[in-house]
N, C-alpha and C. Protein backbone atom coordinates (compact mmCIF):
# COMPACT_ATOMS: atom_id res chain seq x y z
N MET A 1 0.77 -1.20 -0.06
CA MET A 1 0.04 -0.19 -0.01
C MET A 1 0.92 1.27 0.08
N LYS A 2 0.67 2.19 -0.85
CA LYS A 2 1.45 3.47 -1.15
C LYS A 2 0.64 4.29 -0.82
N LEU A 3 1.02 5.11 0.31
CA LEU A 3 0.52 6.60 0.45
C LEU A 3 1.68 7.32 1.09
N THR A 4 1.83 8.28 -0.18
CA THR A 4 2.93 9.13 -0.19
C THR A 4 2.95 10.35 0.85
N THR A 5 4.02 10.85 0.93
CA THR A 5 4.25 12.18 1.65
C THR A 5 3.21 13.04 0.98
N LYS A 6 3.02 13.16 -0.43
CA LYS A 6 2.29 14.12 -1.10
C LYS A 6 0.80 13.72 -0.50
N GLY A 7 0.26 12.65 -0.48
CA GLY A 7 -1.04 12.50 -0.18
C GLY A 7 -1.40 12.80 1.42
N ARG A 8 -0.30 12.50 2.31
CA ARG A 8 -0.60 13.08 3.56
C ARG A 8 -0.75 14.32 3.69
N PHE A 9 0.21 15.08 3.12
CA PHE A 9 0.31 16.33 3.04
C PHE A 9 -0.77 16.99 2.49
N ALA A 10 -1.44 16.50 1.48
CA ALA A 10 -2.54 17.19 0.81
C ALA A 10 -3.83 17.07 1.89
N VAL A 11 -3.87 15.86 2.53
CA VAL A 11 -5.03 15.93 3.51
C VAL A 11 -4.80 16.54 4.54
N THR A 12 -3.55 16.87 5.00
CA THR A 12 -3.20 17.82 5.98
C THR A 12 -3.44 19.48 5.69
N ALA A 13 -2.72 19.79 4.75
CA ALA A 13 -3.14 21.25 3.97
C ALA A 13 -4.63 21.34 3.96
N MET A 14 -5.49 20.60 3.41
CA MET A 14 -7.04 20.56 3.38
C MET A 14 -7.72 20.67 4.75
N VAL A 15 -7.03 20.06 5.67
CA VAL A 15 -7.64 20.32 6.93
C VAL A 15 -7.32 21.74 7.52
N ASP A 16 -6.33 22.05 7.03
CA ASP A 16 -5.75 23.42 7.66
C ASP A 16 -6.69 24.50 6.99
N LEU A 17 -6.91 24.18 5.55
CA LEU A 17 -7.62 25.29 4.98
C LEU A 17 -9.07 25.54 5.77
N ALA A 18 -9.58 24.07 5.90
CA ALA A 18 -11.00 23.98 6.40
C ALA A 18 -10.98 24.76 7.77
N LEU A 19 -10.08 24.52 8.63
CA LEU A 19 -9.99 25.21 10.08
C LEU A 19 -9.95 26.62 9.66
N HIS A 20 -9.25 27.14 8.80
CA HIS A 20 -9.51 28.61 8.59
C HIS A 20 -10.31 29.26 7.55
N GLU A 21 -11.38 28.33 7.13
CA GLU A 21 -12.05 28.91 6.06
C GLU A 21 -12.81 29.92 6.36
N GLU A 22 -13.32 30.47 7.24
CA GLU A 22 -14.28 31.67 7.70
C GLU A 22 -13.02 32.81 7.56
N GLU A 23 -11.85 32.73 7.50
CA GLU A 23 -11.23 33.66 7.36
C GLU A 23 -11.00 34.39 5.89
N ALA A 24 -10.23 35.09 5.42
CA ALA A 24 -10.00 35.31 4.06
C ALA A 24 -9.58 34.44 3.54
N PRO A 25 -9.30 34.26 1.83
CA PRO A 25 -8.71 33.22 1.31
C PRO A 25 -7.35 32.78 1.96
N ILE A 26 -6.84 31.65 1.98
CA ILE A 26 -5.74 31.26 2.53
C ILE A 26 -4.67 31.12 1.88
N SER A 27 -3.66 31.82 1.94
CA SER A 27 -2.37 31.60 1.03
C SER A 27 -1.72 30.36 1.39
N LEU A 28 -0.80 29.88 0.47
CA LEU A 28 -0.08 28.90 0.57
C LEU A 28 1.14 28.92 1.71
N THR A 29 1.53 30.25 1.65
CA THR A 29 2.61 30.64 2.64
C THR A 29 2.07 30.54 4.24
N GLN A 30 0.84 30.77 4.28
CA GLN A 30 0.06 30.38 5.54
C GLN A 30 0.23 29.08 6.02
N ILE A 31 -0.16 28.38 5.12
CA ILE A 31 -0.58 26.87 5.26
C ILE A 31 1.16 26.36 5.37
N SER A 32 2.12 26.81 4.77
CA SER A 32 3.42 26.19 4.85
C SER A 32 3.87 26.78 6.21
N GLU A 33 3.77 27.98 6.66
CA GLU A 33 4.21 28.28 7.98
C GLU A 33 3.76 27.34 9.22
N ARG A 34 2.28 27.18 9.02
CA ARG A 34 1.54 26.41 10.18
C ARG A 34 1.77 25.04 10.13
N GLN A 35 2.18 24.48 8.95
CA GLN A 35 2.31 23.05 8.86
C GLN A 35 3.75 22.40 8.44
N GLN A 36 4.49 23.47 8.29
CA GLN A 36 6.05 23.34 8.00
C GLN A 36 6.18 22.48 6.91
N ILE A 37 5.28 22.80 5.74
CA ILE A 37 5.59 22.19 4.44
C ILE A 37 5.93 23.19 3.26
N SER A 38 6.75 22.91 2.64
CA SER A 38 7.45 23.84 1.69
C SER A 38 6.24 24.61 0.76
N VAL A 39 6.48 25.77 0.46
CA VAL A 39 5.52 26.35 -0.50
C VAL A 39 5.41 25.88 -1.71
N ALA A 40 6.71 25.45 -2.27
CA ALA A 40 6.99 24.67 -3.56
C ALA A 40 6.04 23.37 -3.76
N TYR A 41 6.11 22.55 -2.50
CA TYR A 41 5.58 21.19 -2.53
C TYR A 41 3.92 21.59 -2.66
N LEU A 42 3.64 22.57 -1.62
CA LEU A 42 2.29 22.97 -1.55
C LEU A 42 1.54 23.29 -3.03
N GLU A 43 2.24 24.25 -3.70
CA GLU A 43 2.09 24.67 -4.91
C GLU A 43 1.77 23.25 -5.97
N GLN A 44 2.45 22.30 -5.89
CA GLN A 44 2.23 21.15 -6.69
C GLN A 44 0.91 20.33 -6.25
N ILE A 45 0.93 20.32 -4.93
CA ILE A 45 -0.18 19.66 -4.20
C ILE A 45 -1.51 20.65 -4.59
N PHE A 46 -1.62 21.67 -4.59
CA PHE A 46 -2.84 22.69 -4.76
C PHE A 46 -3.09 22.64 -6.38
N CYS A 47 -2.35 22.41 -6.93
CA CYS A 47 -2.48 22.43 -8.64
C CYS A 47 -3.31 21.35 -8.89
N LYS A 48 -3.30 20.34 -8.17
CA LYS A 48 -3.86 18.83 -8.55
C LYS A 48 -5.15 19.07 -7.63
N LEU A 49 -5.24 19.70 -6.59
CA LEU A 49 -6.52 19.94 -5.91
C LEU A 49 -7.40 20.73 -6.64
N ARG A 50 -6.87 21.86 -7.23
CA ARG A 50 -7.53 22.74 -8.14
C ARG A 50 -8.37 22.03 -9.15
N ARG A 51 -7.44 21.21 -10.02
CA ARG A 51 -7.85 20.50 -11.06
C ARG A 51 -9.01 19.47 -10.69
N ALA A 52 -9.05 19.06 -9.45
CA ALA A 52 -9.84 18.01 -8.91
C ALA A 52 -11.20 18.70 -8.50
N GLY A 53 -11.23 20.02 -8.39
CA GLY A 53 -12.27 20.86 -7.91
C GLY A 53 -12.55 20.86 -6.52
N LEU A 54 -11.41 20.62 -5.64
CA LEU A 54 -11.59 20.52 -4.16
C LEU A 54 -11.28 21.88 -3.57
N VAL A 55 -10.56 22.54 -4.18
CA VAL A 55 -10.08 23.88 -4.07
C VAL A 55 -10.38 24.99 -4.94
N ALA A 56 -10.71 26.17 -4.61
CA ALA A 56 -10.72 27.13 -5.72
C ALA A 56 -9.64 28.30 -5.34
N SER A 57 -9.17 29.03 -6.38
CA SER A 57 -7.92 29.95 -6.16
C SER A 57 -8.77 31.34 -6.25
N VAL A 58 -8.29 32.32 -5.46
CA VAL A 58 -8.74 33.43 -5.29
C VAL A 58 -7.52 34.59 -5.94
N ARG A 59 -7.62 35.07 -6.91
CA ARG A 59 -6.61 35.84 -7.38
C ARG A 59 -6.50 37.30 -6.86
N GLY A 60 -5.34 37.94 -6.85
CA GLY A 60 -5.29 39.28 -6.46
C GLY A 60 -4.58 39.53 -5.39
N PRO A 61 -4.54 40.65 -4.76
CA PRO A 61 -4.16 40.85 -3.42
C PRO A 61 -4.74 40.46 -2.32
N GLY A 62 -4.34 39.79 -1.30
CA GLY A 62 -5.45 39.24 -0.35
C GLY A 62 -5.94 37.73 -0.92
N GLY A 63 -5.35 37.38 -2.06
CA GLY A 63 -5.76 36.28 -2.81
C GLY A 63 -5.13 35.05 -2.02
N GLY A 64 -5.62 33.85 -2.65
CA GLY A 64 -5.24 32.45 -1.89
C GLY A 64 -6.16 31.45 -2.29
N TYR A 65 -6.37 30.36 -1.45
CA TYR A 65 -7.34 29.36 -1.68
C TYR A 65 -8.55 29.18 -0.59
N ARG A 66 -9.58 28.54 -1.41
CA ARG A 66 -10.81 28.31 -0.37
C ARG A 66 -11.22 27.11 -0.74
N LEU A 67 -11.84 26.37 -0.07
CA LEU A 67 -12.52 25.19 -0.36
C LEU A 67 -13.35 25.31 -1.64
N GLY A 68 -13.31 24.18 -2.42
CA GLY A 68 -13.92 24.11 -3.73
C GLY A 68 -15.38 23.38 -3.63
N ALA A 69 -15.68 22.98 -2.32
CA ALA A 69 -16.99 22.39 -1.91
C ALA A 69 -17.06 22.47 -0.55
N PRO A 70 -18.16 22.25 -0.13
CA PRO A 70 -18.45 22.10 1.53
C PRO A 70 -17.75 20.99 1.99
N ALA A 71 -17.13 21.46 3.25
CA ALA A 71 -16.04 20.49 3.81
C ALA A 71 -16.92 19.12 4.14
N GLY A 72 -18.14 19.01 4.33
CA GLY A 72 -18.92 17.89 4.65
C GLY A 72 -19.05 16.95 3.28
N ASP A 73 -18.50 17.53 2.11
CA ASP A 73 -18.85 16.82 0.92
C ASP A 73 -17.43 16.53 0.41
N ILE A 74 -16.32 16.84 0.90
CA ILE A 74 -14.87 16.46 0.51
C ILE A 74 -14.31 15.39 1.44
N THR A 75 -14.16 14.16 0.71
CA THR A 75 -13.71 13.04 1.75
C THR A 75 -12.23 12.81 1.52
N ALA A 76 -11.54 12.11 2.45
CA ALA A 76 -10.01 11.85 2.43
C ALA A 76 -9.67 11.02 1.21
N ALA A 77 -10.78 10.14 0.80
CA ALA A 77 -10.38 9.53 -0.50
C ALA A 77 -10.36 10.48 -1.77
N ALA A 78 -11.26 11.23 -1.99
CA ALA A 78 -11.03 12.40 -2.89
C ALA A 78 -9.78 13.09 -3.06
N ILE A 79 -9.34 13.51 -1.76
CA ILE A 79 -8.05 14.23 -1.62
C ILE A 79 -6.94 13.59 -1.97
N ILE A 80 -6.96 12.22 -1.39
CA ILE A 80 -5.92 11.19 -1.96
C ILE A 80 -5.82 10.95 -3.29
N GLU A 81 -7.16 10.71 -3.90
CA GLU A 81 -7.29 10.42 -5.27
C GLU A 81 -6.74 11.63 -6.16
N ALA A 82 -6.93 12.81 -5.72
CA ALA A 82 -6.68 14.03 -6.51
C ALA A 82 -4.95 14.12 -6.61
N MET A 83 -4.28 13.38 -5.71
CA MET A 83 -2.86 13.47 -5.82
C MET A 83 -2.38 12.32 -6.80
N ASP A 84 -3.19 11.45 -7.30
CA ASP A 84 -3.05 10.38 -8.04
C ASP A 84 -2.39 9.36 -7.28
N GLU A 85 -2.57 9.17 -5.89
CA GLU A 85 -2.08 8.16 -5.13
C GLU A 85 -2.99 6.79 -5.57
N ASP A 86 -2.19 5.70 -5.37
CA ASP A 86 -2.63 4.61 -5.64
C ASP A 86 -2.65 3.70 -4.16
N ILE A 87 -3.61 3.44 -3.69
CA ILE A 87 -3.69 2.75 -2.27
C ILE A 87 -4.25 1.29 -2.69
N ASP A 88 -3.20 0.59 -2.87
CA ASP A 88 -3.45 -0.60 -3.48
C ASP A 88 -2.43 -1.82 -2.69
N ALA A 89 -2.94 -2.54 -1.79
CA ALA A 89 -1.87 -3.31 -1.14
C ALA A 89 -1.74 -4.78 -2.02
N THR A 90 -2.23 -5.01 -3.05
CA THR A 90 -1.88 -5.99 -3.94
C THR A 90 -0.63 -5.80 -4.65
N GLN A 91 0.11 -6.90 -5.13
CA GLN A 91 1.32 -6.69 -5.86
C GLN A 91 1.26 -6.78 -7.27
N CYS A 92 -0.29 -6.65 -7.67
CA CYS A 92 -0.42 -6.86 -8.99
C CYS A 92 -1.43 -5.79 -9.55
N ARG A 93 -1.46 -4.80 -8.64
CA ARG A 93 -2.33 -3.37 -9.06
C ARG A 93 -3.84 -4.15 -9.23
N GLY A 94 -4.30 -5.16 -8.33
CA GLY A 94 -5.47 -5.68 -8.49
C GLY A 94 -6.01 -6.59 -9.72
N ASP A 95 -5.29 -6.82 -10.71
CA ASP A 95 -5.25 -7.82 -11.82
C ASP A 95 -5.18 -9.26 -11.68
N GLY A 96 -4.98 -9.73 -10.56
CA GLY A 96 -4.56 -11.01 -10.11
C GLY A 96 -3.50 -12.11 -10.98
N SER A 97 -2.52 -11.07 -11.18
CA SER A 97 -1.40 -11.75 -11.77
C SER A 97 0.00 -11.69 -11.18
N CYS A 98 -0.31 -11.71 -9.63
CA CYS A 98 0.80 -11.55 -8.71
C CYS A 98 1.75 -12.97 -8.96
N LEU A 99 1.20 -13.98 -9.15
CA LEU A 99 2.23 -15.16 -9.28
C LEU A 99 2.42 -15.58 -10.69
N GLY A 100 3.10 -14.78 -11.18
CA GLY A 100 3.31 -15.23 -12.80
C GLY A 100 2.08 -15.34 -13.50
N GLY A 101 1.11 -14.36 -13.46
CA GLY A 101 -0.16 -14.36 -14.08
C GLY A 101 -1.29 -15.16 -13.70
N ALA A 102 -1.13 -15.59 -12.26
CA ALA A 102 -2.19 -16.16 -11.55
C ALA A 102 -2.41 -15.40 -10.13
N ALA A 103 -3.29 -15.27 -9.63
CA ALA A 103 -3.40 -14.42 -8.23
C ALA A 103 -2.73 -15.59 -7.12
N CYS A 104 -1.92 -14.64 -6.41
CA CYS A 104 -1.15 -15.40 -5.12
C CYS A 104 -2.16 -15.86 -4.25
N LEU A 105 -1.91 -16.58 -3.30
CA LEU A 105 -2.55 -17.33 -2.22
C LEU A 105 -3.35 -16.10 -1.21
N THR A 106 -2.63 -14.85 -1.24
CA THR A 106 -3.26 -13.81 -0.36
C THR A 106 -4.00 -12.88 -1.15
N HIS A 107 -3.97 -12.95 -2.37
CA HIS A 107 -4.59 -11.81 -3.29
C HIS A 107 -5.81 -11.27 -2.96
N HIS A 108 -6.72 -12.24 -2.36
CA HIS A 108 -8.23 -11.89 -1.71
C HIS A 108 -7.99 -10.97 -0.46
N LEU A 109 -7.09 -11.51 0.19
CA LEU A 109 -6.93 -10.70 1.55
C LEU A 109 -6.46 -9.23 1.15
N TRP A 110 -5.62 -8.90 0.21
CA TRP A 110 -5.13 -7.83 0.11
C TRP A 110 -6.33 -6.73 -0.77
N GLU A 111 -7.13 -7.64 -1.57
CA GLU A 111 -8.17 -6.87 -2.08
C GLU A 111 -9.18 -6.49 -1.24
N ASP A 112 -9.63 -7.14 -0.15
CA ASP A 112 -10.39 -7.13 0.87
C ASP A 112 -10.06 -5.91 1.69
N LEU A 113 -8.35 -5.75 2.02
CA LEU A 113 -7.89 -4.61 2.64
C LEU A 113 -8.21 -3.38 1.79
N ASN A 114 -7.91 -3.52 0.48
CA ASN A 114 -8.06 -2.27 -0.31
C ASN A 114 -9.56 -1.70 -0.26
N ARG A 115 -10.61 -2.52 -0.27
CA ARG A 115 -11.98 -2.46 -0.42
C ARG A 115 -12.30 -1.83 1.34
N THR A 116 -11.70 -2.19 2.19
CA THR A 116 -11.92 -1.55 3.61
C THR A 116 -11.47 -0.31 3.84
N THR A 117 -10.23 -0.25 3.16
CA THR A 117 -9.21 1.21 3.16
C THR A 117 -10.18 2.15 2.56
N ARG A 118 -10.49 2.12 1.36
CA ARG A 118 -11.32 2.71 0.41
C ARG A 118 -12.48 3.18 1.02
N LYS A 119 -13.29 2.30 1.59
CA LYS A 119 -14.54 2.59 2.19
C LYS A 119 -14.44 3.42 3.74
N PHE A 120 -13.30 3.17 4.22
CA PHE A 120 -12.96 3.91 5.56
C PHE A 120 -12.58 5.53 5.03
N LEU A 121 -11.75 5.41 3.83
CA LEU A 121 -11.46 6.86 3.43
C LEU A 121 -12.72 7.63 2.82
N GLU A 122 -13.56 6.90 2.23
CA GLU A 122 -14.60 7.58 1.51
C GLU A 122 -15.56 7.95 2.61
N GLY A 123 -15.38 7.56 4.01
CA GLY A 123 -16.29 7.70 5.11
C GLY A 123 -15.73 8.95 5.88
N VAL A 124 -14.51 9.30 5.67
CA VAL A 124 -14.16 10.42 6.56
C VAL A 124 -14.09 11.74 5.52
N THR A 125 -14.89 12.68 6.20
CA THR A 125 -15.06 14.06 5.31
C THR A 125 -14.27 14.86 6.07
N LEU A 126 -13.70 15.95 5.38
CA LEU A 126 -12.92 17.17 5.85
C LEU A 126 -13.64 17.77 6.99
N ALA A 127 -15.02 17.69 7.15
CA ALA A 127 -15.78 18.38 8.31
C ALA A 127 -15.53 17.60 9.38
N GLY A 128 -15.47 16.43 9.17
CA GLY A 128 -15.32 15.20 10.22
C GLY A 128 -13.83 15.45 10.71
N MET A 129 -12.93 15.62 10.29
CA MET A 129 -11.39 15.70 10.40
C MET A 129 -11.41 17.01 10.98
N VAL A 130 -11.90 18.03 10.80
CA VAL A 130 -11.86 19.25 11.64
C VAL A 130 -12.65 19.26 12.86
N GLU A 131 -13.79 18.71 12.81
CA GLU A 131 -14.37 18.33 14.12
C GLU A 131 -13.79 17.57 15.19
N ALA A 132 -13.18 16.56 14.61
CA ALA A 132 -12.32 15.59 15.48
C ALA A 132 -10.99 16.53 15.81
N HIS A 133 -10.28 17.26 15.13
CA HIS A 133 -9.08 18.16 15.43
C HIS A 133 -9.73 19.26 16.66
N ALA A 134 -10.78 19.81 16.40
CA ALA A 134 -11.33 20.52 17.45
C ALA A 134 -11.67 20.09 18.47
N ALA A 135 -12.06 18.92 18.78
CA ALA A 135 -12.33 18.13 19.88
C ALA A 135 -11.18 17.91 20.99
N ARG A 136 -10.15 17.46 19.94
CA ARG A 136 -8.81 17.50 20.51
C ARG A 136 -8.10 18.48 21.25
N HIS A 137 -7.96 19.49 20.18
CA HIS A 137 -7.10 20.75 20.32
C HIS A 137 -7.92 22.05 20.54
N GLY A 138 -8.84 22.21 20.22
CA GLY A 138 -9.38 23.45 19.99
C GLY A 138 -9.33 23.98 18.81
N LYS A 139 -9.18 25.26 18.74
CA LYS A 139 -8.66 25.75 17.28
C LYS A 139 -7.15 25.58 16.76
N GLN A 140 -6.45 25.19 17.74
CA GLN A 140 -4.77 25.19 17.56
C GLN A 140 -4.40 24.26 16.61
N VAL A 141 -3.81 24.79 15.72
CA VAL A 141 -3.21 24.03 14.64
C VAL A 141 -2.11 23.35 14.79
N VAL A 142 -2.00 21.80 14.67
CA VAL A 142 -0.89 21.17 15.14
C VAL A 142 -0.04 20.87 14.03
N SER A 143 1.24 21.06 13.97
CA SER A 143 2.07 20.94 12.75
C SER A 143 2.04 19.36 12.47
N ALA A 144 2.21 19.24 10.99
CA ALA A 144 2.08 18.01 10.35
C ALA A 144 3.51 17.48 10.09
N VAL A 145 4.64 18.06 10.76
CA VAL A 145 5.92 17.57 10.34
C VAL A 145 6.16 15.94 10.51
N ILE A 146 6.90 15.52 9.53
CA ILE A 146 7.25 14.14 9.43
C ILE A 146 8.66 13.87 10.13
N PRO A 147 9.13 13.36 11.18
CA PRO A 147 10.31 13.40 11.61
C PRO A 147 11.28 12.59 10.71
N VAL A 148 12.44 13.08 10.35
CA VAL A 148 13.42 12.61 9.28
C VAL A 148 14.36 11.77 10.36
N ARG A 149 14.61 10.49 9.64
CA ARG A 149 15.50 9.57 10.42
C ARG A 149 17.14 10.30 10.05
N LYS A 150 17.69 10.09 11.17
CA LYS A 150 19.36 10.80 10.94
C LYS A 150 20.06 9.11 10.94
N HIS A 151 21.00 9.20 10.05
CA HIS A 151 21.69 7.89 9.80
C HIS A 151 22.79 8.11 10.55
N ALA A 152 23.11 7.01 11.42
CA ALA A 152 24.50 7.07 12.10
C ALA A 152 25.73 6.68 11.09
């Protein structure tokens, strides 16, 4: 199963955007500072989010981004899919050719995991993530920094 940093950061940035949606349009610099994600990386992410209709850009002074749909209509699955993420636990991309053209012994297990994961992500909305965050932290925005391992 591959969920890259881009997919995780896309979800994090969307939660940040939703947390601040009542404010003026949110700039990538603001999200970058709060979540410690580079602006260049956010530009790549938001380009894909905009193409998917999940965010809308506001041009001009004071411009930035707003949600492209109500937070209750945007799912974690939609955000991850917008990043062209492939959440697939099978070795064969689901075509059943994992064992030299035939399904391996555990192919159906991984297919079931894919269905369960997809169903879970489709059931998690941006509004739900914001509510969960508020219940745990109030309006405080928690950084999404992924620790980097230092090699000895």
